[in-house]
Amino acid sequence: VFKFFGPITNATPSDKLRSAAYTPLDVRHLVHLPKRCFISSTASLPDDGEIAPGSYFFKSNHGSGTNQRVTFPMEAETRSALLKKAAVWLTKTHNEALSLWWYETMARNVYIEEDLGSEVSDAPDWKFFVCNGRVEIFQVDVDRSGDHVQTLYDRNGEFLPHELYFKSGNPVAMPAQLDNMIQVAEGIGRNFDFIRVDMFLKDGVIYLGEIGLVPNGASTAIRSREIDERLGGAWSAPWLGQVGHDFPSGHYDRISTGPDSW
């Protein structure tokens, strides 16, 4: 229902390079942006001498799954393959089957971002489901490129023995920063009836990840009936009675959302 009829702002929060602009002033001190050392609107890469040696992620701002871990200095064969991939990312439709139309309105970029993981594993991904300004549940994805496990928790960090979209596993320890992460998620979510706010933690620092309007394009069934009903019960949409009418302009229609800007 939201995907086809919901009010979506002109500058969509799903734009990975510009989503930080949706973080309210009163919570910005709690969260950081990953360092981005290269942004381009064309299929290009920096020379080896322009970027410090190390591990990074090469991404596009408007796609799903359009990311790859890269290492500098970079071999010529790897560079050539990445440039071809970037050209595809910049021209392809996000996903025709999912009909996530707002991705087609974005200014498209490729960029290089710091790697928040370690030498042995991906960075755990914390995803907060915010319904009408309040975190209802959150998921933690661990080892996405290996033995991917996705565990669920309530707002208080209590483990929920159910599955969302993927297999569950043993609960992870709750970080000291959990209250701040929830505060950031609810700050971003206070102007939406539903939104999912993704974050990463590294060395005690909270980093803002992606902001999702329709997780998995609303095409993947929630595995647990209990979780499905819980999220449905927590969500209400005042705009449902206005479908077919003009919506009033929201606050976020008037903001400036340049890459990496707050």
C-alpha atoms as a PDB file:
ATOM      1  CA  VAL A   1       0.000   0.000   0.000  1.00  0.00           C
ATOM      2  CA  PHE A   2       2.737   2.465   0.952  1.00  0.00           C
ATOM      3  CA  LYS A   3       4.849   1.622  -2.089  1.00  0.00           C
ATOM      4  CA  PHE A   4       2.137   2.676  -4.519  1.00  0.00           C
ATOM      5  CA  PHE A   5       0.132   5.259  -2.576  1.00  0.00           C
ATOM      6  CA  GLY A   6       2.220   6.612   0.306  1.00  0.00           C
ATOM      7  CA  PRO A   7       3.536  10.205   0.383  1.00  0.00           C
ATOM      8  CA  ILE A   8       7.233  10.049  -0.528  1.00  0.00           C
ATOM      9  CA  THR A   9       9.278  13.241  -0.330  1.00  0.00           C
ATOM     10  CA  ASN A  10      10.879  14.804  -3.388  1.00  0.00           C
ATOM     11  CA  ALA A  11      14.385  14.135  -2.069  1.00  0.00           C
ATOM     12  CA  THR A  12      14.009  10.505  -1.035  1.00  0.00           C
ATOM     13  CA  PRO A  13      15.767   9.287   2.135  1.00  0.00           C
ATOM     14  CA  SER A  14      16.634   6.096   0.240  1.00  0.00           C
ATOM     15  CA  ASP A  15      19.424   8.004  -1.543  1.00  0.00           C
ATOM     16  CA  LYS A  16      22.486   6.652   0.290  1.00  0.00           C
ATOM     17  CA  LEU A  17      24.571   9.772  -0.334  1.00  0.00           C
ATOM     18  CA  ARG A  18      21.905  12.230   0.779  1.00  0.00           C
ATOM     19  CA  SER A  19      20.002  10.383   3.506  1.00  0.00           C
ATOM     20  CA  ALA A  20      21.963  12.114   6.284  1.00  0.00           C
ATOM     21  CA  ALA A  21      19.927  15.267   5.656  1.00  0.00           C
ATOM     22  CA  TYR A  22      16.983  13.520   7.312  1.00  0.00           C
ATOM     23  CA  THR A  23      18.784  13.330  10.645  1.00  0.00           C
ATOM     24  CA  PRO A  24      17.252  15.995  12.946  1.00  0.00           C
ATOM     25  CA  LEU A  25      19.556  18.572  14.495  1.00  0.00           C
ATOM     26  CA  ASP A  26      18.960  17.335  18.031  1.00  0.00           C
ATOM     27  CA  VAL A  27      20.424  13.857  17.359  1.00  0.00           C
ATOM     28  CA  ARG A  28      23.191  14.601  14.862  1.00  0.00           C
ATOM     29  CA  HIS A  29      25.825  14.683  17.585  1.00  0.00           C
ATOM     30  CA  LEU A  30      25.131  10.996  18.270  1.00  0.00           C
ATOM     31  CA  VAL A  31      25.874   9.644  14.801  1.00  0.00           C
ATOM     32  CA  HIS A  32      28.591   9.927  12.165  1.00  0.00           C
ATOM     33  CA  LEU A  33      28.810   9.423   8.415  1.00  0.00           C
ATOM     34  CA  PRO A  34      31.256   6.891   6.972  1.00  0.00           C
ATOM     35  CA  LYS A  35      34.180   8.659   5.327  1.00  0.00           C
ATOM     36  CA  ARG A  36      33.733   8.993   1.577  1.00  0.00           C
ATOM     37  CA  CYS A  37      36.902   9.673  -0.331  1.00  0.00           C
ATOM     38  CA  PHE A  38      35.497   9.660  -3.864  1.00  0.00           C
ATOM     39  CA  ILE A  39      32.125  10.562  -5.436  1.00  0.00           C
ATOM     40  CA  SER A  40      31.418  10.648  -9.170  1.00  0.00           C
ATOM     41  CA  SER A  41      28.437  10.927 -11.503  1.00  0.00           C
ATOM     42  CA  THR A  42      30.326   8.965 -14.172  1.00  0.00           C
ATOM     43  CA  ALA A  43      31.783   5.462 -14.296  1.00  0.00           C
ATOM     44  CA  SER A  44      35.216   6.351 -12.933  1.00  0.00           C
ATOM     45  CA  LEU A  45      37.701   5.510 -10.184  1.00  0.00           C
ATOM     46  CA  PRO A  46      40.512   7.454  -8.539  1.00  0.00           C
ATOM     47  CA  ASP A  47      44.115   6.649  -9.416  1.00  0.00           C
ATOM     48  CA  ASP A  48      46.082   4.602  -6.904  1.00  0.00           C
ATOM     49  CA  GLY A  49      48.046   7.678  -5.875  1.00  0.00           C
ATOM     50  CA  GLU A  50      44.854   9.582  -5.003  1.00  0.00           C
ATOM     51  CA  ILE A  51      43.671   7.239  -2.270  1.00  0.00           C
ATOM     52  CA  ALA A  52      45.466   5.727   0.705  1.00  0.00           C
ATOM     53  CA  PRO A  53      46.263   2.002   0.523  1.00  0.00           C
ATOM     54  CA  GLY A  54      43.670  -0.186   2.229  1.00  0.00           C
ATOM     55  CA  SER A  55      40.217  -1.749   2.061  1.00  0.00           C
ATOM     56  CA  TYR A  56      37.127   0.216   0.994  1.00  0.00           C
ATOM     57  CA  PHE A  57      33.627  -0.286  -0.405  1.00  0.00           C
ATOM     58  CA  PHE A  58      32.734   0.803  -3.917  1.00  0.00           C
ATOM     59  CA  LYS A  59      28.986   1.584  -4.120  1.00  0.00           C
ATOM     60  CA  SER A  60      26.209   3.304  -5.992  1.00  0.00           C
ATOM     61  CA  ASN A  61      23.800   5.589  -4.143  1.00  0.00           C
ATOM     62  CA  HIS A  62      20.556   4.387  -5.713  1.00  0.00           C
ATOM     63  CA  GLY A  63      20.781   0.604  -5.935  1.00  0.00           C
ATOM     64  CA  SER A  64      20.369  -2.513  -3.840  1.00  0.00           C
ATOM     65  CA  GLY A  65      23.286  -4.909  -3.859  1.00  0.00           C
ATOM     66  CA  THR A  66      25.387  -2.397  -5.806  1.00  0.00           C
ATOM     67  CA  ASN A  67      28.418  -2.562  -3.566  1.00  0.00           C
ATOM     68  CA  GLN A  68      31.751  -4.346  -3.626  1.00  0.00           C
ATOM     69  CA  ARG A  69      34.710  -4.429  -1.289  1.00  0.00           C
ATOM     70  CA  VAL A  70      37.807  -3.118  -3.073  1.00  0.00           C
ATOM     71  CA  THR A  71      41.466  -2.725  -2.189  1.00  0.00           C
ATOM     72  CA  PHE A  72      43.891   0.010  -3.170  1.00  0.00           C
ATOM     73  CA  PRO A  73      46.379  -0.135  -4.854  1.00  0.00           C
ATOM     74  CA  MET A  74      44.200  -1.827  -7.481  1.00  0.00           C
ATOM     75  CA  GLU A  75      45.256  -4.196 -10.229  1.00  0.00           C
ATOM     76  CA  ALA A  76      44.499  -3.100 -13.801  1.00  0.00           C
ATOM     77  CA  GLU A  77      42.211  -6.074 -14.456  1.00  0.00           C
ATOM     78  CA  THR A  78      40.191  -5.358 -11.309  1.00  0.00           C
ATOM     79  CA  ARG A  79      39.927  -1.679 -12.222  1.00  0.00           C
ATOM     80  CA  SER A  80      38.657  -2.466 -15.694  1.00  0.00           C
ATOM     81  CA  ALA A  81      35.991  -4.838 -14.325  1.00  0.00           C
ATOM     82  CA  LEU A  82      34.864  -2.260 -11.751  1.00  0.00           C
ATOM     83  CA  LEU A  83      34.526   0.470 -14.357  1.00  0.00           C
ATOM     84  CA  LYS A  84      32.285  -1.791 -16.443  1.00  0.00           C
ATOM     85  CA  LYS A  85      30.225  -2.596 -13.359  1.00  0.00           C
ATOM     86  CA  ALA A  86      29.914   1.101 -12.472  1.00  0.00           C
ATOM     87  CA  ALA A  87      28.618   1.872 -15.965  1.00  0.00           C
ATOM     88  CA  VAL A  88      25.896  -0.742 -15.493  1.00  0.00           C
ATOM     89  CA  TRP A  89      25.003   0.553 -12.018  1.00  0.00           C
ATOM     90  CA  LEU A  90      24.592   4.112 -13.302  1.00  0.00           C
ATOM     91  CA  THR A  91      22.257   3.174 -16.141  1.00  0.00           C
ATOM     92  CA  LYS A  92      20.171   0.249 -14.897  1.00  0.00           C
ATOM     93  CA  THR A  93      16.658   0.493 -13.493  1.00  0.00           C
ATOM     94  CA  HIS A  94      16.766  -0.191  -9.762  1.00  0.00           C
ATOM     95  CA  ASN A  95      14.435  -3.174  -9.993  1.00  0.00           C
ATOM     96  CA  GLU A  96      11.601  -3.296 -12.510  1.00  0.00           C
ATOM     97  CA  ALA A  97       9.807  -6.140 -10.742  1.00  0.00           C
ATOM     98  CA  LEU A  98       9.756  -4.374  -7.363  1.00  0.00           C
ATOM     99  CA  SER A  99       8.436  -1.076  -8.814  1.00  0.00           C
ATOM    100  CA  LEU A 100      10.337   1.118  -6.334  1.00  0.00           C
ATOM    101  CA  TRP A 101       9.764   4.154  -8.528  1.00  0.00           C
ATOM    102  CA  TRP A 102      11.439   6.745  -6.297  1.00  0.00           C
ATOM    103  CA  TYR A 103      14.877   5.251  -6.976  1.00  0.00           C
ATOM    104  CA  GLU A 104      14.489   6.431 -10.579  1.00  0.00           C
ATOM    105  CA  THR A 105      14.178  10.059  -9.422  1.00  0.00           C
ATOM    106  CA  MET A 106      17.637  10.178  -7.794  1.00  0.00           C
ATOM    107  CA  ALA A 107      20.731  11.862  -9.149  1.00  0.00           C
ATOM    108  CA  ARG A 108      22.985   8.855  -9.681  1.00  0.00           C
ATOM    109  CA  ASN A 109      26.495   8.508  -8.321  1.00  0.00           C
ATOM    110  CA  VAL A 110      29.163   5.945  -7.604  1.00  0.00           C
ATOM    111  CA  TYR A 111      31.395   6.461  -4.595  1.00  0.00           C
ATOM    112  CA  ILE A 112      34.086   4.947  -2.403  1.00  0.00           C
ATOM    113  CA  GLU A 113      33.461   4.645   1.315  1.00  0.00           C
ATOM    114  CA  GLU A 114      35.561   3.465   4.227  1.00  0.00           C
ATOM    115  CA  ASP A 115      35.259  -0.215   5.176  1.00  0.00           C
ATOM    116  CA  LEU A 116      33.712  -0.436   8.650  1.00  0.00           C
ATOM    117  CA  GLY A 117      34.325  -4.169   8.955  1.00  0.00           C
ATOM    118  CA  SER A 118      37.383  -5.984  10.249  1.00  0.00           C
ATOM    119  CA  GLU A 119      39.967  -8.109   8.474  1.00  0.00           C
ATOM    120  CA  VAL A 120      38.008 -11.265   9.291  1.00  0.00           C
ATOM    121  CA  SER A 121      34.322 -10.288   9.077  1.00  0.00           C
ATOM    122  CA  ASP A 122      31.774  -7.809   7.772  1.00  0.00           C
ATOM    123  CA  ALA A 123      30.539  -5.044  10.041  1.00  0.00           C
ATOM    124  CA  PRO A 124      27.332  -6.100  11.859  1.00  0.00           C
ATOM    125  CA  ASP A 125      24.359  -4.240  10.394  1.00  0.00           C
ATOM    126  CA  TRP A 126      21.797  -2.855  12.875  1.00  0.00           C
ATOM    127  CA  LYS A 127      18.398  -2.161  11.279  1.00  0.00           C
ATOM    128  CA  PHE A 128      15.685  -0.375  13.277  1.00  0.00           C
ATOM    129  CA  PHE A 129      12.007  -0.645  12.275  1.00  0.00           C
ATOM    130  CA  VAL A 130      10.400   2.653  13.291  1.00  0.00           C
ATOM    131  CA  CYS A 131       6.594   2.706  13.310  1.00  0.00           C
ATOM    132  CA  ASN A 132       5.002   6.125  13.828  1.00  0.00           C
ATOM    133  CA  GLY A 133       8.134   7.508  15.453  1.00  0.00           C
ATOM    134  CA  ARG A 134       8.864   4.567  17.774  1.00  0.00           C
ATOM    135  CA  VAL A 135      11.250   1.642  17.337  1.00  0.00           C
ATOM    136  CA  GLU A 136       9.162  -1.509  17.451  1.00  0.00           C
ATOM    137  CA  ILE A 137      11.853  -4.087  16.671  1.00  0.00           C
ATOM    138  CA  PHE A 138      15.370  -4.152  15.295  1.00  0.00           C
ATOM    139  CA  GLN A 139      17.442  -6.763  13.514  1.00  0.00           C
ATOM    140  CA  VAL A 140      21.176  -7.434  13.609  1.00  0.00           C
ATOM    141  CA  ASP A 141      22.776  -9.002  10.526  1.00  0.00           C
ATOM    142  CA  VAL A 142      26.122 -10.692  11.107  1.00  0.00           C
ATOM    143  CA  ASP A 143      28.586 -12.116   8.554  1.00  0.00           C
ATOM    144  CA  ARG A 144      26.509 -11.251   5.492  1.00  0.00           C
ATOM    145  CA  SER A 145      29.120 -12.543   3.047  1.00  0.00           C
ATOM    146  CA  GLY A 146      29.619 -15.809   4.965  1.00  0.00           C
ATOM    147  CA  ASP A 147      27.324 -17.641   7.366  1.00  0.00           C
ATOM    148  CA  HIS A 148      24.684 -14.912   7.400  1.00  0.00           C
ATOM    149  CA  VAL A 149      22.625 -14.788  10.615  1.00  0.00           C
ATOM    150  CA  GLN A 150      19.810 -12.289  11.319  1.00  0.00           C
ATOM    151  CA  THR A 151      18.593 -11.955  14.903  1.00  0.00           C
ATOM    152  CA  LEU A 152      15.654  -9.895  16.183  1.00  0.00           C
ATOM    153  CA  TYR A 153      15.116  -7.766  19.316  1.00  0.00           C
ATOM    154  CA  ASP A 154      12.456  -5.566  20.842  1.00  0.00           C
ATOM    155  CA  ARG A 155      12.979  -1.904  21.662  1.00  0.00           C
ATOM    156  CA  ASN A 156      14.584  -2.830  25.000  1.00  0.00           C
ATOM    157  CA  GLY A 157      17.136  -5.129  23.383  1.00  0.00           C
ATOM    158  CA  GLU A 158      15.369  -8.322  24.449  1.00  0.00           C
ATOM    159  CA  PHE A 159      15.968 -11.206  22.046  1.00  0.00           C
ATOM    160  CA  LEU A 160      12.941 -12.282  19.989  1.00  0.00           C
ATOM    161  CA  PRO A 161      13.123 -16.000  19.030  1.00  0.00           C
ATOM    162  CA  HIS A 162      11.513 -15.470  15.628  1.00  0.00           C
ATOM    163  CA  GLU A 163      12.648 -15.030  12.040  1.00  0.00           C
ATOM    164  CA  LEU A 164      12.160 -11.958   9.872  1.00  0.00           C
ATOM    165  CA  TYR A 165      13.568 -12.574   6.382  1.00  0.00           C
ATOM    166  CA  PHE A 166      16.486 -14.870   7.142  1.00  0.00           C
ATOM    167  CA  LYS A 167      17.570 -17.610   9.538  1.00  0.00           C
ATOM    168  CA  SER A 168      18.073 -16.630  13.164  1.00  0.00           C
ATOM    169  CA  GLY A 169      20.862 -17.611  15.538  1.00  0.00           C
ATOM    170  CA  ASN A 170      22.296 -16.915  18.941  1.00  0.00           C
ATOM    171  CA  PRO A 171      21.592 -13.402  20.294  1.00  0.00           C
ATOM    172  CA  VAL A 172      24.381 -10.834  20.189  1.00  0.00           C
ATOM    173  CA  ALA A 173      25.439  -8.697  23.130  1.00  0.00           C
ATOM    174  CA  MET A 174      23.719  -5.319  23.305  1.00  0.00           C
ATOM    175  CA  PRO A 175      26.146  -2.393  22.961  1.00  0.00           C
ATOM    176  CA  ALA A 176      26.435   0.494  25.397  1.00  0.00           C
ATOM    177  CA  GLN A 177      25.363   2.751  22.497  1.00  0.00           C
ATOM    178  CA  LEU A 178      21.961   1.069  22.008  1.00  0.00           C
ATOM    179  CA  ASP A 179      19.970   3.903  23.611  1.00  0.00           C
ATOM    180  CA  ASN A 180      21.696   6.420  21.357  1.00  0.00           C
ATOM    181  CA  MET A 181      21.045   4.290  18.278  1.00  0.00           C
ATOM    182  CA  ILE A 182      17.361   4.110  19.166  1.00  0.00           C
ATOM    183  CA  GLN A 183      17.304   7.866  19.738  1.00  0.00           C
ATOM    184  CA  VAL A 184      18.786   8.450  16.275  1.00  0.00           C
ATOM    185  CA  ALA A 185      16.371   6.009  14.612  1.00  0.00           C
ATOM    186  CA  GLU A 186      13.355   7.572  16.301  1.00  0.00           C
ATOM    187  CA  GLY A 187      14.600  11.065  15.481  1.00  0.00           C
ATOM    188  CA  ILE A 188      14.760  10.193  11.790  1.00  0.00           C
ATOM    189  CA  GLY A 189      11.475   8.309  12.005  1.00  0.00           C
ATOM    190  CA  ARG A 190       9.438  11.012  13.734  1.00  0.00           C
ATOM    191  CA  ASN A 191       8.332  12.451  10.371  1.00  0.00           C
ATOM    192  CA  PHE A 192       7.367   9.116   8.812  1.00  0.00           C
ATOM    193  CA  ASP A 193       4.637   6.632   9.666  1.00  0.00           C
ATOM    194  CA  PHE A 194       7.164   3.877   8.844  1.00  0.00           C
ATOM    195  CA  ILE A 195      10.851   3.826   8.072  1.00  0.00           C
ATOM    196  CA  ARG A 196      13.792   1.492   8.597  1.00  0.00           C
ATOM    197  CA  VAL A 197      17.029   3.112   9.753  1.00  0.00           C
ATOM    198  CA  ASP A 198      20.275   1.170   9.330  1.00  0.00           C
ATOM    199  CA  MET A 199      23.395   1.799  11.398  1.00  0.00           C
ATOM    200  CA  PHE A 200      26.840   0.367  12.007  1.00  0.00           C
ATOM    201  CA  LEU A 201      29.040   0.358  15.106  1.00  0.00           C
ATOM    202  CA  LYS A 202      32.825   0.502  15.052  1.00  0.00           C
ATOM    203  CA  ASP A 203      35.058   1.201  18.031  1.00  0.00           C
ATOM    204  CA  GLY A 204      32.086   2.558  19.954  1.00  0.00           C
ATOM    205  CA  VAL A 205      31.134   5.030  17.190  1.00  0.00           C
ATOM    206  CA  ILE A 206      27.685   4.961  15.542  1.00  0.00           C
ATOM    207  CA  TYR A 207      27.627   5.329  11.751  1.00  0.00           C
ATOM    208  CA  LEU A 208      24.512   6.019   9.694  1.00  0.00           C
ATOM    209  CA  GLY A 209      23.832   3.493   6.958  1.00  0.00           C
ATOM    210  CA  GLU A 210      20.910   3.213   4.577  1.00  0.00           C
ATOM    211  CA  ILE A 211      17.381   4.477   5.238  1.00  0.00           C
ATOM    212  CA  GLY A 212      14.721   2.159   3.820  1.00  0.00           C
ATOM    213  CA  LEU A 213      11.136   3.054   2.968  1.00  0.00           C
ATOM    214  CA  VAL A 214      10.029  -0.403   1.810  1.00  0.00           C
ATOM    215  CA  PRO A 215      12.293  -3.229   3.061  1.00  0.00           C
ATOM    216  CA  ASN A 216      12.915  -5.837   0.355  1.00  0.00           C
ATOM    217  CA  GLY A 217      10.494  -3.968  -1.890  1.00  0.00           C
ATOM    218  CA  ALA A 218       7.584  -5.432   0.102  1.00  0.00           C
ATOM    219  CA  SER A 219       8.086  -8.592  -1.961  1.00  0.00           C
ATOM    220  CA  THR A 220       9.559 -10.910   0.674  1.00  0.00           C
ATOM    221  CA  ALA A 221       7.138 -12.404   3.160  1.00  0.00           C
ATOM    222  CA  ILE A 222       7.999 -12.059   6.844  1.00  0.00           C
ATOM    223  CA  ARG A 223       8.712 -15.582   8.051  1.00  0.00           C
ATOM    224  CA  SER A 224       7.250 -15.182  11.521  1.00  0.00           C
ATOM    225  CA  ARG A 225       3.522 -14.586  11.851  1.00  0.00           C
ATOM    226  CA  GLU A 226       4.137 -13.057  15.298  1.00  0.00           C
ATOM    227  CA  ILE A 227       6.545 -10.462  13.889  1.00  0.00           C
ATOM    228  CA  ASP A 228       4.306  -9.742  10.911  1.00  0.00           C
ATOM    229  CA  GLU A 229       1.345  -9.051  13.200  1.00  0.00           C
ATOM    230  CA  ARG A 230       3.489  -7.076  15.626  1.00  0.00           C
ATOM    231  CA  LEU A 231       4.746  -4.694  12.957  1.00  0.00           C
ATOM    232  CA  GLY A 232       1.299  -4.407  11.399  1.00  0.00           C
ATOM    233  CA  GLY A 233      -0.226  -3.595  14.757  1.00  0.00           C
ATOM    234  CA  ALA A 234       2.368  -0.896  15.450  1.00  0.00           C
ATOM    235  CA  TRP A 235       1.866   0.875  12.110  1.00  0.00           C
ATOM    236  CA  SER A 236      -0.868   3.349  11.303  1.00  0.00           C
ATOM    237  CA  ALA A 237      -1.022   5.580   8.235  1.00  0.00           C
ATOM    238  CA  PRO A 238      -3.094   8.760   8.504  1.00  0.00           C
ATOM    239  CA  TRP A 239      -2.675   9.341   4.762  1.00  0.00           C
ATOM    240  CA  LEU A 240      -4.651   6.187   3.865  1.00  0.00           C
ATOM    241  CA  GLY A 241      -7.883   8.170   3.886  1.00  0.00           C
ATOM    242  CA  GLN A 242      -6.336  10.730   1.523  1.00  0.00           C
ATOM    243  CA  VAL A 243      -5.292   8.408  -1.308  1.00  0.00           C
ATOM    244  CA  GLY A 244      -6.135  10.137  -4.575  1.00  0.00           C
ATOM    245  CA  HIS A 245      -5.815  13.623  -3.085  1.00  0.00           C
ATOM    246  CA  ASP A 246      -2.931  16.089  -2.962  1.00  0.00           C
ATOM    247  CA  PHE A 247      -0.789  15.796   0.132  1.00  0.00           C
ATOM    248  CA  PRO A 248       0.445  18.862   2.000  1.00  0.00           C
ATOM    249  CA  SER A 249       4.127  19.595   1.468  1.00  0.00           C
ATOM    250  CA  GLY A 250       6.168  18.192   4.316  1.00  0.00           C
ATOM    251  CA  HIS A 251       9.194  19.705   6.018  1.00  0.00           C
ATOM    252  CA  TYR A 252      11.594  17.504   4.092  1.00  0.00           C
ATOM    253  CA  ASP A 253      10.418  18.783   0.700  1.00  0.00           C
ATOM    254  CA  ARG A 254      12.223  22.024   1.480  1.00  0.00           C
ATOM    255  CA  ILE A 255      15.634  20.793   2.592  1.00  0.00           C
ATOM    256  CA  SER A 256      18.875  20.790   0.650  1.00  0.00           C
ATOM    257  CA  THR A 257      20.343  17.328   0.341  1.00  0.00           C
ATOM    258  CA  GLY A 258      23.746  17.491  -1.313  1.00  0.00           C
ATOM    259  CA  PRO A 259      26.080  14.493  -1.062  1.00  0.00           C
ATOM    260  CA  ASP A 260      27.545  14.078   2.429  1.00  0.00           C
ATOM    261  CA  SER A 261      25.653  17.113   3.713  1.00  0.00           C
ATOM    262  CA  TRP A 262      23.706  17.218   6.964  1.00  0.00           C
END
